[in-house]
Amino acid sequence: MSGQKTSPFFGGIKLAMATVMVTFLFLGGISYFASPGYIHTVPPMRLKETSQELTAMTGGVGNKVQLAIEEIEKVLSQQRKQLGVTPLMVEKALKHVTSTSNLQSIILDAVTRNRTLRVGVAGGSISARKYSYANVFTEAMQFVLNVSVELHNAAVGATDSRFYAYCFGSLLNIHELDIVLWEFAANDFIKKIGPWAQEDFTRVILNLPQKPQLIFVNFLHGQQMKKKSCVNNEKIGSEPLSRYYDVPSISMPDAVCPQVKRPDFRVTDIAVSARDGHPNPKNHKLMGLFLCELLKDVLQNVTNSVETSPSFGLNLNARGDRLPHALFPESVVYLPNCWTALATKTKENVKLLQPLSTKGWELYAPNNEASPNRTDIKQFWRNNKTNNSITFSFELKPYQNFNCTVSIATFGGPKCGKAKVYLDGNTKSAVVVNGKWGYSVTLTQRISNNIPPGKHNLTIVAQRGGFFQLCAIMTSHSVKN
């Protein structure tokens, strides 16, 4: 959530821009960091102005943005030197940035109307930090645009693209987001989840009516670096999806791979924690810098576009209403729904997972997850007694003539066991779900492919063999029914 103190990364901007901030974009910018938390507001109305009004609204914006770009480039130049970032690294990191016209439109709309920009994060433990690459990025926008910028970090450790394709909209209000940062290149790879899950998430975001800008953020995990490997899901997922859907993609592997493969390479050279392989603060600054380089390029394009066409960007429907057919045939999620016990400390959950009835189950949160430096809350409905049951009620809304899929997500681990899961009291159709896994992660399993709309009950009966831990119930309309 917004309201953090300004980081040292952009602390130099205040000094460098002191002579221009009163007249231009930075007036009152610092007050944002002491502002209260997120307040629900109705998204602004767009596209009502005449061409003359649009010209008046955007007049002078190009010049102001250009002055801000010149000053922020000075600071970014200093940060490149401090972090050891070469121009080639920046070029490689931004190699798969495709069209940014949608982001240009969003930024111009926010600046001309002086409205709040809202950034959402979907990611795992890399992103579930109190201060991350996303904070660096949103602070940069705050400085440059002189509009309020809210960060809604919905990341939860040990999750993946498959879970978020269903549940992102239950952890925050996705219908109020302007920018979405996706960070699962490492988690999807480690859990051996194919690119179809990232495509499912991509299509969910691109189908949103307000057309937010999706950006793929591809991190490397320290365990891969120790093996001198630059492999994650980026090559099989982000790269083809970036080209196919015109989604910008930022690459940490492409930027640092030459260093990783050197004979004298050490993991700490790229600023990754030697203890657990997660990026440390310096590595987050590195990714934040790449995102800020993207922002600078976008602002340069905004300046050029405003000069040639003052009404540019205020029509946010350029992408169109229909997406192409899925690139990967396994992609099946459409109009997803989710009820989840996982949460964030901002407590923005839209649909909480609450049982209709329970026998012996508890809502459990591991004590070791209560880190003050993390933003996520790992909790789940848990039981380890054979034949103890828990029942949930949910409703499926009709859509055309589609039936629905029903899945569940468990929080698996070495001490986890099995459970029988069935719908509407039909024990003969029960599916056995195994929660045993080598380490603690979310696991998703389909329960049914062809459920009609209406109210339904889902019952879980624990079996022998250890704990069963339920994270979420998830549904979607499947175009393959």
Protein backbone atom coordinates (compact mmCIF):
# COMPACT_ATOMS: atom_id res chain seq x y z
CA MET A 1 0.00 0.00 0.00
CA SER A 2 1.13 3.56 -0.52
CA GLY A 3 2.46 5.73 2.26
CA GLN A 4 6.05 4.48 2.51
CA LYS A 5 8.97 6.80 3.13
CA THR A 6 10.92 7.86 0.08
CA SER A 7 13.74 5.44 -0.74
CA PRO A 8 17.39 6.45 -1.13
CA PHE A 9 17.14 5.31 -4.76
CA PHE A 10 15.22 8.41 -5.74
CA GLY A 11 16.25 10.62 -2.84
CA GLY A 12 18.60 12.52 -5.13
CA ILE A 13 15.75 13.61 -7.35
CA LYS A 14 14.46 16.10 -4.78
CA LEU A 15 17.80 17.92 -4.75
CA ALA A 16 18.37 17.69 -8.49
CA MET A 17 14.91 19.01 -9.31
CA ALA A 18 14.56 21.64 -6.59
CA THR A 19 14.78 24.49 -9.08
CA VAL A 20 11.98 23.19 -11.30
CA MET A 21 9.57 21.34 -9.03
CA VAL A 22 7.61 24.41 -7.92
CA THR A 23 6.92 25.55 -11.46
CA PHE A 24 6.55 22.16 -13.08
CA LEU A 25 5.56 18.62 -12.19
CA PHE A 26 6.86 18.08 -8.69
CA LEU A 27 4.76 20.56 -6.72
CA GLY A 28 3.39 18.79 -3.68
CA GLY A 29 4.79 15.40 -4.74
CA ILE A 30 6.40 14.54 -1.43
CA SER A 31 3.12 14.91 0.46
CA TYR A 32 1.95 11.67 -1.18
CA PHE A 33 4.24 9.56 0.96
CA ALA A 34 2.49 10.80 4.11
CA SER A 35 -0.97 10.37 2.64
CA PRO A 36 -3.56 7.99 4.12
CA GLY A 37 -4.13 4.50 2.75
CA TYR A 38 -6.23 3.48 -0.17
CA ILE A 39 -9.79 4.80 -0.33
CA HIS A 40 -12.26 3.25 -2.75
CA THR A 41 -13.27 5.72 -5.44
CA VAL A 42 -15.22 5.43 -8.65
CA PRO A 43 -12.89 5.22 -11.69
CA PRO A 44 -12.80 8.54 -13.57
CA MET A 45 -14.98 9.02 -16.62
CA ARG A 46 -13.02 9.32 -19.85
CA LEU A 47 -13.53 10.37 -23.44
CA LYS A 48 -16.15 13.07 -22.79
CA GLU A 49 -14.08 16.09 -23.81
CA THR A 50 -14.16 17.75 -27.22
CA SER A 51 -10.97 18.01 -29.25
CA GLN A 52 -10.60 21.70 -28.22
CA GLU A 53 -10.92 20.82 -24.55
CA LEU A 54 -8.39 17.99 -24.94
CA THR A 55 -5.94 20.39 -26.57
CA ALA A 56 -6.31 22.78 -23.62
CA MET A 57 -5.90 20.00 -21.08
CA THR A 58 -2.73 18.63 -22.64
CA GLY A 59 -1.21 21.99 -23.49
CA GLY A 60 2.25 22.33 -21.98
CA VAL A 61 2.34 18.75 -20.71
CA GLY A 62 4.95 17.73 -23.26
CA ASN A 63 7.37 20.48 -22.21
CA LYS A 64 6.93 19.71 -18.52
CA VAL A 65 7.48 16.00 -19.02
CA GLN A 66 10.58 16.67 -21.12
CA LEU A 67 12.14 18.78 -18.36
CA ALA A 68 11.38 16.03 -15.84
CA ILE A 69 12.92 13.41 -18.15
CA GLU A 70 16.16 15.39 -18.37
CA GLU A 71 16.45 15.63 -14.59
CA ILE A 72 15.50 12.03 -13.87
CA GLU A 73 18.02 10.84 -16.44
CA LYS A 74 20.76 12.54 -14.41
CA VAL A 75 19.73 10.58 -11.34
CA LEU A 76 19.34 7.31 -13.26
CA SER A 77 22.82 7.82 -14.66
CA GLN A 78 24.18 8.01 -11.11
CA GLN A 79 22.27 4.89 -10.11
CA ARG A 80 23.57 2.94 -13.10
CA LYS A 81 27.09 3.74 -11.96
CA GLN A 82 26.41 2.79 -8.33
CA LEU A 83 24.74 -0.50 -9.28
CA GLY A 84 27.23 -1.39 -11.99
CA VAL A 85 24.63 -1.21 -14.75
CA THR A 86 25.96 -0.71 -18.26
CA PRO A 87 23.98 0.66 -21.22
CA LEU A 88 24.11 -2.83 -22.72
CA MET A 89 22.46 -4.29 -19.60
CA VAL A 90 19.65 -1.75 -19.90
CA GLU A 91 19.26 -2.56 -23.58
CA LYS A 92 19.08 -6.28 -22.89
CA ALA A 93 16.67 -5.84 -19.96
CA LEU A 94 14.28 -3.88 -22.19
CA LYS A 95 14.83 -6.00 -25.31
CA HIS A 96 11.32 -7.46 -25.18
CA VAL A 97 9.47 -4.23 -24.48
CA THR A 98 6.91 -4.06 -27.26
CA SER A 99 4.27 -1.37 -27.68
CA THR A 100 3.74 0.99 -24.73
CA SER A 101 0.95 3.03 -26.33
CA ASN A 102 -1.52 1.81 -23.71
CA LEU A 103 0.75 2.94 -20.87
CA GLN A 104 1.28 6.26 -22.62
CA SER A 105 -2.49 6.72 -22.78
CA ILE A 106 -2.90 5.87 -19.10
CA ILE A 107 -0.16 8.26 -18.01
CA LEU A 108 -1.44 11.11 -20.14
CA ASP A 109 -4.95 10.54 -18.84
CA ALA A 110 -3.70 10.70 -15.23
CA VAL A 111 -1.60 13.82 -15.80
CA THR A 112 -4.21 15.80 -17.70
CA ARG A 113 -6.96 14.95 -15.19
CA ASN A 114 -4.74 15.01 -12.09
CA ARG A 115 -6.08 11.65 -10.98
CA THR A 116 -4.63 8.79 -8.95
CA LEU A 117 -2.65 6.04 -10.67
CA ARG A 118 -3.09 2.57 -9.20
CA VAL A 119 -0.46 -0.14 -9.60
CA GLY A 120 -1.14 -3.78 -8.70
CA VAL A 121 1.44 -6.52 -8.15
CA ALA A 122 0.87 -10.24 -8.79
CA GLY A 123 3.85 -12.27 -7.62
CA GLY A 124 5.40 -14.71 -5.18
CA SER A 125 7.83 -14.27 -2.30
CA ILE A 126 10.17 -12.14 -4.44
CA SER A 127 7.46 -9.47 -4.62
CA ALA A 128 5.95 -10.00 -1.14
CA ARG A 129 8.27 -7.48 0.49
CA LYS A 130 7.49 -4.30 2.36
CA TYR A 131 9.85 -2.50 0.00
CA SER A 132 10.47 -3.95 -3.45
CA TYR A 133 11.17 -3.10 -7.07
CA ALA A 134 7.51 -2.03 -7.33
CA ASN A 135 8.05 0.70 -4.73
CA VAL A 136 11.02 2.06 -6.69
CA PHE A 137 8.86 2.15 -9.81
CA THR A 138 5.85 3.82 -8.20
CA GLU A 139 8.04 6.42 -6.47
CA ALA A 140 9.52 7.31 -9.85
CA MET A 141 6.05 7.87 -11.28
CA GLN A 142 5.16 9.95 -8.23
CA PHE A 143 8.14 12.25 -8.80
CA VAL A 144 7.72 12.56 -12.54
CA LEU A 145 3.97 12.88 -12.91
CA ASN A 146 2.99 14.88 -9.81
CA VAL A 147 -0.11 12.73 -9.33
CA SER A 148 -0.96 10.40 -6.48
CA VAL A 149 0.31 6.86 -7.09
CA GLU A 150 -1.06 3.95 -5.07
CA LEU A 151 0.73 0.61 -4.84
CA HIS A 152 -1.46 -2.42 -4.18
CA ASN A 153 0.92 -5.31 -3.56
CA ALA A 154 -1.12 -8.52 -3.72
CA ALA A 155 1.90 -10.85 -3.87
CA VAL A 156 1.86 -14.01 -1.71
CA GLY A 157 4.85 -16.29 -1.32
CA ALA A 158 4.89 -19.83 -2.81
CA THR A 159 2.13 -19.02 -5.34
CA ASP A 160 2.22 -19.09 -9.15
CA SER A 161 0.55 -17.84 -12.31
CA ARG A 162 -2.08 -20.56 -12.19
CA PHE A 163 -3.30 -19.47 -8.76
CA TYR A 164 -3.31 -15.78 -9.71
CA ALA A 165 -5.17 -16.33 -12.95
CA TYR A 166 -8.10 -17.24 -10.70
CA CYS A 167 -7.44 -15.30 -7.49
CA PHE A 168 -5.77 -11.96 -8.31
CA GLY A 169 -9.20 -10.32 -8.31
CA SER A 170 -9.93 -11.68 -4.84
CA LEU A 171 -6.82 -10.15 -3.29
CA LEU A 172 -7.56 -6.64 -4.55
CA ASN A 173 -9.98 -4.78 -6.80
CA ILE A 174 -8.55 -5.39 -10.26
CA HIS A 175 -11.17 -3.12 -11.84
CA GLU A 176 -9.44 -0.04 -10.42
CA LEU A 177 -5.90 -0.83 -11.59
CA ASP A 178 -4.03 1.14 -14.24
CA ILE A 179 -0.84 -0.95 -14.27
CA VAL A 180 -0.31 -4.63 -13.37
CA LEU A 181 3.15 -6.05 -12.65
CA TRP A 182 3.43 -9.85 -13.10
CA GLU A 183 6.35 -11.60 -11.36
CA PHE A 184 6.25 -15.40 -11.60
CA ALA A 185 9.08 -16.32 -13.98
CA ALA A 186 11.01 -18.00 -11.14
CA ASN A 187 8.07 -19.60 -9.30
CA ASP A 188 6.47 -21.05 -12.42
CA PHE A 189 9.82 -22.52 -13.46
CA ILE A 190 10.60 -24.03 -10.06
CA LYS A 191 7.12 -25.58 -9.85
CA LYS A 192 7.29 -26.80 -13.47
CA ILE A 193 4.18 -24.90 -14.52
CA GLY A 194 3.92 -24.35 -18.27
CA PRO A 195 3.49 -21.02 -20.05
CA TRP A 196 -0.25 -21.63 -20.44
CA ALA A 197 -0.72 -20.48 -16.82
CA GLN A 198 0.97 -17.15 -17.56
CA GLU A 199 -1.20 -16.86 -20.65
CA ASP A 200 -4.32 -17.47 -18.56
CA PHE A 201 -3.30 -14.61 -16.25
CA THR A 202 -2.43 -12.42 -19.24
CA ARG A 203 -5.82 -12.94 -20.85
CA VAL A 204 -7.66 -12.22 -17.59
CA ILE A 205 -5.89 -8.85 -17.33
CA LEU A 206 -6.20 -7.92 -21.00
CA ASN A 207 -9.92 -8.71 -20.91
CA LEU A 208 -10.56 -6.14 -18.16
CA PRO A 209 -12.77 -3.30 -19.44
CA GLN A 210 -10.49 -0.49 -18.17
CA LYS A 211 -7.52 -1.88 -20.17
CA PRO A 212 -4.71 -1.67 -17.59
CA GLN A 213 -1.11 -1.92 -18.77
CA LEU A 214 0.33 -5.35 -18.01
CA ILE A 215 4.13 -5.64 -17.60
CA PHE A 216 6.01 -8.94 -17.22
CA VAL A 217 8.78 -8.67 -14.60
CA ASN A 218 11.20 -11.60 -14.98
CA PHE A 219 13.52 -12.30 -12.02
CA LEU A 220 16.15 -15.00 -11.62
CA HIS A 221 16.26 -17.13 -8.47
CA GLY A 222 19.50 -17.50 -6.55
CA GLN A 223 19.35 -21.29 -6.71
CA GLN A 224 19.59 -21.05 -10.50
CA MET A 225 22.46 -18.59 -10.34
CA LYS A 226 24.44 -20.91 -8.07
CA LYS A 227 24.26 -23.46 -10.90
CA LYS A 228 25.44 -20.75 -13.32
CA SER A 229 22.06 -21.02 -14.99
CA CYS A 230 19.91 -18.21 -16.35
CA VAL A 231 16.88 -20.42 -16.91
CA ASN A 232 13.41 -19.49 -15.72
CA ASN A 233 10.06 -19.45 -17.53
CA GLU A 234 10.88 -16.30 -19.46
CA LYS A 235 12.01 -17.94 -22.71
CA ILE A 236 8.97 -20.24 -22.92
CA GLY A 237 6.44 -17.79 -21.45
CA SER A 238 7.15 -14.07 -21.28
CA GLU A 239 9.00 -13.80 -24.60
CA PRO A 240 6.39 -15.45 -26.87
CA LEU A 241 3.51 -13.93 -24.90
CA SER A 242 5.11 -10.48 -25.10
CA ARG A 243 5.22 -10.72 -28.89
CA TYR A 244 1.77 -12.30 -29.24
CA TYR A 245 -0.13 -9.94 -26.92
CA ASP A 246 2.08 -6.83 -27.23
CA VAL A 247 2.91 -6.86 -23.50
CA PRO A 248 6.17 -5.21 -22.31
CA SER A 249 8.57 -7.66 -20.65
CA ILE A 250 11.56 -6.77 -18.44
CA SER A 251 14.37 -9.34 -18.33
CA MET A 252 16.73 -9.75 -15.40
CA PRO A 253 18.28 -12.91 -16.97
CA ASP A 254 19.19 -11.18 -20.23
CA ALA A 255 20.74 -8.28 -18.29
CA VAL A 256 22.91 -10.29 -15.89
CA CYS A 257 23.55 -13.59 -17.69
CA PRO A 258 27.07 -12.69 -18.90
CA GLN A 259 28.09 -12.10 -15.27
CA VAL A 260 26.34 -15.22 -13.98
CA LYS A 261 28.26 -17.43 -16.40
CA ARG A 262 31.71 -16.04 -15.58
CA PRO A 263 34.06 -18.56 -13.91
CA ASP A 264 34.63 -16.21 -10.95
CA PHE A 265 30.94 -15.44 -10.48
CA ARG A 266 29.47 -15.38 -6.98
CA VAL A 267 25.75 -15.19 -6.29
CA THR A 268 26.26 -12.15 -4.09
CA ASP A 269 27.76 -10.31 -7.10
CA ILE A 270 24.24 -9.92 -8.44
CA ALA A 271 22.94 -9.03 -4.99
CA VAL A 272 20.95 -12.17 -4.22
CA SER A 273 20.63 -13.46 -0.69
CA ALA A 274 23.06 -16.32 -0.13
CA ARG A 275 20.75 -17.74 2.53
CA ASP A 276 17.57 -18.45 0.57
CA GLY A 277 18.20 -17.30 -2.97
CA HIS A 278 15.76 -14.39 -2.90
CA PRO A 279 16.78 -11.03 -4.34
CA ASN A 280 18.12 -8.65 -1.70
CA PRO A 281 17.42 -4.88 -1.64
CA LYS A 282 20.18 -4.10 -4.15
CA ASN A 283 18.70 -6.56 -6.64
CA HIS A 284 15.26 -5.00 -6.20
CA LYS A 285 16.81 -1.60 -6.95
CA LEU A 286 18.29 -3.10 -10.10
CA MET A 287 14.88 -4.30 -11.34
CA GLY A 288 13.36 -1.00 -10.22
CA LEU A 289 15.92 0.82 -12.32
CA PHE A 290 14.97 -1.21 -15.40
CA LEU A 291 11.30 -0.37 -14.84
CA CYS A 292 12.23 3.30 -14.45
CA GLU A 293 14.14 3.14 -17.74
CA LEU A 294 10.92 1.86 -19.29
CA LEU A 295 9.02 4.73 -17.66
CA LYS A 296 11.51 7.24 -19.07
CA ASP A 297 11.04 5.82 -22.59
CA VAL A 298 7.27 5.96 -22.18
CA LEU A 299 7.42 9.60 -21.09
CA GLN A 300 9.60 10.46 -24.07
CA ASN A 301 6.96 8.91 -26.31
CA VAL A 302 4.23 10.82 -24.45
CA THR A 303 6.06 14.09 -25.11
CA ASN A 304 6.45 13.32 -28.81
CA SER A 305 2.83 12.21 -29.15
CA VAL A 306 1.39 15.24 -27.37
CA GLU A 307 3.36 17.55 -29.63
CA THR A 308 2.01 15.88 -32.77
CA SER A 309 -1.53 15.13 -31.51
CA PRO A 310 -2.81 16.84 -28.33
CA SER A 311 -5.72 14.41 -27.99
CA PHE A 312 -3.41 11.37 -28.19
CA GLY A 313 -3.88 8.74 -25.55
CA LEU A 314 -7.23 9.70 -24.10
CA ASN A 315 -8.98 6.90 -25.97
CA LEU A 316 -7.94 3.80 -24.05
CA ASN A 317 -9.73 1.31 -26.28
CA ALA A 318 -7.02 1.00 -28.92
CA ARG A 319 -6.36 -2.63 -27.99
CA GLY A 320 -9.90 -3.59 -28.95
CA ASP A 321 -12.49 -5.68 -27.14
CA ARG A 322 -11.54 -9.14 -28.41
CA LEU A 323 -8.33 -11.03 -27.86
CA PRO A 324 -6.85 -13.45 -30.40
CA HIS A 325 -7.18 -17.17 -29.84
CA ALA A 326 -4.98 -18.52 -27.05
CA LEU A 327 -1.38 -19.17 -28.05
CA PHE A 328 -1.16 -22.28 -25.87
CA PRO A 329 -4.00 -24.84 -26.14
CA GLU A 330 -3.95 -25.58 -22.38
CA SER A 331 -5.22 -22.08 -21.55
CA VAL A 332 -8.78 -22.43 -20.27
CA VAL A 333 -9.54 -19.72 -17.67
CA TYR A 334 -12.31 -17.29 -18.61
CA LEU A 335 -14.19 -14.98 -16.22
CA PRO A 336 -12.53 -16.48 -13.12
CA ASN A 337 -13.85 -16.40 -9.58
CA CYS A 338 -12.03 -17.19 -6.35
CA TRP A 339 -12.58 -17.40 -2.60
CA THR A 340 -9.27 -17.56 -0.77
CA ALA A 341 -7.87 -17.61 2.76
CA LEU A 342 -4.52 -16.22 1.60
CA ALA A 343 -4.28 -12.51 2.20
CA THR A 344 -2.09 -9.43 2.40
CA LYS A 345 -1.49 -7.17 5.37
CA THR A 346 -3.42 -4.40 3.64
CA LYS A 347 -6.51 -6.64 4.03
CA GLU A 348 -7.99 -5.76 0.65
CA ASN A 349 -9.48 -9.23 0.12
CA VAL A 350 -12.63 -9.06 -1.97
CA LYS A 351 -13.91 -12.61 -1.40
CA LEU A 352 -12.76 -14.42 1.73
CA LEU A 353 -12.95 -18.20 2.05
CA GLN A 354 -15.41 -18.91 4.87
CA PRO A 355 -16.94 -22.36 5.58
CA LEU A 356 -20.63 -23.14 5.76
CA SER A 357 -19.90 -25.85 8.33
CA THR A 358 -16.80 -27.47 9.78
CA LYS A 359 -15.74 -30.33 12.03
CA GLY A 360 -12.22 -30.14 13.44
CA TRP A 361 -10.76 -27.75 10.87
CA GLU A 362 -9.04 -24.47 11.84
CA LEU A 363 -7.91 -21.32 10.05
CA TYR A 364 -4.17 -21.66 10.55
CA ALA A 365 -1.28 -19.25 9.91
CA PRO A 366 2.32 -20.40 10.51
CA ASN A 367 4.08 -18.27 13.10
CA ASN A 368 7.24 -18.08 11.05
CA GLU A 369 5.40 -16.20 8.32
CA ALA A 370 4.73 -13.17 10.52
CA SER A 371 7.79 -11.28 9.24
CA PRO A 372 7.58 -7.48 9.55
CA ASN A 373 9.41 -7.20 6.22
CA ARG A 374 6.75 -9.09 4.28
CA THR A 375 3.36 -7.98 3.00
CA ASP A 376 1.66 -11.38 2.66
CA ILE A 377 -0.36 -13.51 5.08
CA LYS A 378 -0.12 -17.24 4.46
CA GLN A 379 -3.14 -18.86 6.06
CA PHE A 380 -5.37 -21.78 5.20
CA TRP A 381 -8.08 -24.09 6.52
CA ARG A 382 -6.18 -27.03 8.03
CA ASN A 383 -6.94 -30.46 9.49
CA ASN A 384 -5.01 -33.69 10.19
CA LYS A 385 -7.76 -35.89 11.64
CA THR A 386 -9.16 -38.64 9.40
CA ASN A 387 -12.78 -38.16 8.26
CA ASN A 388 -13.08 -34.61 9.62
CA SER A 389 -15.02 -32.59 7.07
CA ILE A 390 -15.48 -28.98 6.02
CA THR A 391 -18.12 -27.60 3.63
CA PHE A 392 -18.18 -24.35 1.67
CA SER A 393 -21.02 -22.75 -0.24
CA PHE A 394 -20.52 -20.69 -3.40
CA GLU A 395 -22.57 -19.39 -6.29
CA LEU A 396 -21.75 -19.51 -10.00
CA LYS A 397 -23.20 -16.70 -12.11
CA PRO A 398 -24.50 -17.68 -15.56
CA TYR A 399 -22.69 -16.54 -18.69
CA GLN A 400 -24.24 -17.29 -22.07
CA ASN A 401 -24.58 -21.08 -22.33
CA PHE A 402 -21.27 -21.97 -20.65
CA ASN A 403 -20.98 -24.35 -17.75
CA CYS A 404 -18.18 -23.93 -15.22
CA THR A 405 -15.01 -25.54 -13.95
CA VAL A 406 -14.36 -25.90 -10.22
CA SER A 407 -10.84 -26.22 -8.78
CA ILE A 408 -9.23 -25.97 -5.38
CA ALA A 409 -5.81 -24.73 -4.29
CA THR A 410 -4.07 -26.42 -1.37
CA PHE A 411 -0.98 -25.33 0.50
CA GLY A 412 1.12 -28.42 0.00
CA GLY A 413 4.25 -29.56 1.79
CA PRO A 414 6.28 -32.56 3.04
CA LYS A 415 3.91 -33.21 5.97
CA CYS A 416 0.71 -32.94 3.96
CA GLY A 417 -1.68 -35.76 3.07
CA LYS A 418 -4.80 -36.48 1.02
CA ALA A 419 -8.47 -35.56 1.11
CA LYS A 420 -11.64 -36.45 -0.77
CA VAL A 421 -13.39 -33.51 -2.43
CA TYR A 422 -16.91 -33.60 -3.87
CA LEU A 423 -19.71 -31.26 -4.88
CA ASP A 424 -23.33 -31.06 -3.73
CA GLY A 425 -23.20 -34.19 -1.58
CA ASN A 426 -22.31 -36.47 -4.49
CA THR A 427 -19.72 -38.69 -2.77
CA LYS A 428 -19.56 -41.04 -5.76
CA SER A 429 -17.97 -38.28 -7.83
CA ALA A 430 -15.34 -37.49 -5.16
CA VAL A 431 -11.85 -36.54 -6.34
CA VAL A 432 -8.84 -37.50 -4.21
CA VAL A 433 -6.46 -34.56 -3.85
CA ASN A 434 -2.90 -35.13 -2.66
CA GLY A 435 -1.27 -32.23 -0.84
CA LYS A 436 2.14 -33.85 -0.40
CA TRP A 437 4.97 -31.87 -1.99
CA GLY A 438 8.69 -31.50 -1.46
CA TYR A 439 8.38 -27.99 -0.06
CA SER A 440 5.65 -25.53 0.89
CA VAL A 441 3.80 -24.28 -2.19
CA THR A 442 0.29 -23.77 -3.50
CA LEU A 443 -1.03 -26.66 -5.59
CA THR A 444 -4.08 -26.39 -7.85
CA GLN A 445 -6.29 -29.30 -8.90
CA ARG A 446 -9.45 -29.41 -10.99
CA ILE A 447 -12.47 -30.98 -9.25
CA SER A 448 -15.06 -30.74 -12.02
CA ASN A 449 -15.23 -29.53 -15.62
CA ASN A 450 -18.96 -29.19 -16.19
CA ILE A 451 -20.92 -27.59 -13.34
CA PRO A 452 -24.08 -25.59 -14.15
CA PRO A 453 -24.59 -22.06 -12.82
CA GLY A 454 -26.28 -21.65 -9.45
CA LYS A 455 -25.52 -22.32 -5.79
CA HIS A 456 -23.27 -25.25 -4.91
CA ASN A 457 -21.62 -26.84 -1.89
CA LEU A 458 -18.08 -28.20 -1.87
CA THR A 459 -17.11 -30.68 0.84
CA ILE A 460 -13.62 -31.82 1.83
CA VAL A 461 -13.09 -34.96 3.94
CA ALA A 462 -9.58 -35.48 5.31
CA GLN A 463 -7.87 -38.83 4.81
CA ARG A 464 -4.90 -40.41 6.55
CA GLY A 465 -1.35 -39.28 5.97
CA GLY A 466 -0.92 -35.78 7.36
CA PHE A 467 -2.31 -32.28 7.23
CA PHE A 468 -4.61 -31.10 4.46
CA GLN A 469 -4.45 -27.33 3.95
CA LEU A 470 -7.02 -25.54 1.78
CA CYS A 471 -6.11 -22.13 0.31
CA ALA A 472 -8.88 -21.40 -2.16
CA ILE A 473 -11.90 -22.51 -4.15
CA MET A 474 -11.69 -21.34 -7.75
CA THR A 475 -14.12 -21.36 -10.67
CA SER A 476 -14.15 -20.17 -14.24
CA HIS A 477 -16.26 -20.38 -17.38
CA SER A 478 -14.51 -22.75 -19.74
CA VAL A 479 -14.81 -22.12 -23.46
CA LYS A 480 -13.95 -25.79 -24.01
CA ASN A 481 -17.07 -27.19 -22.30
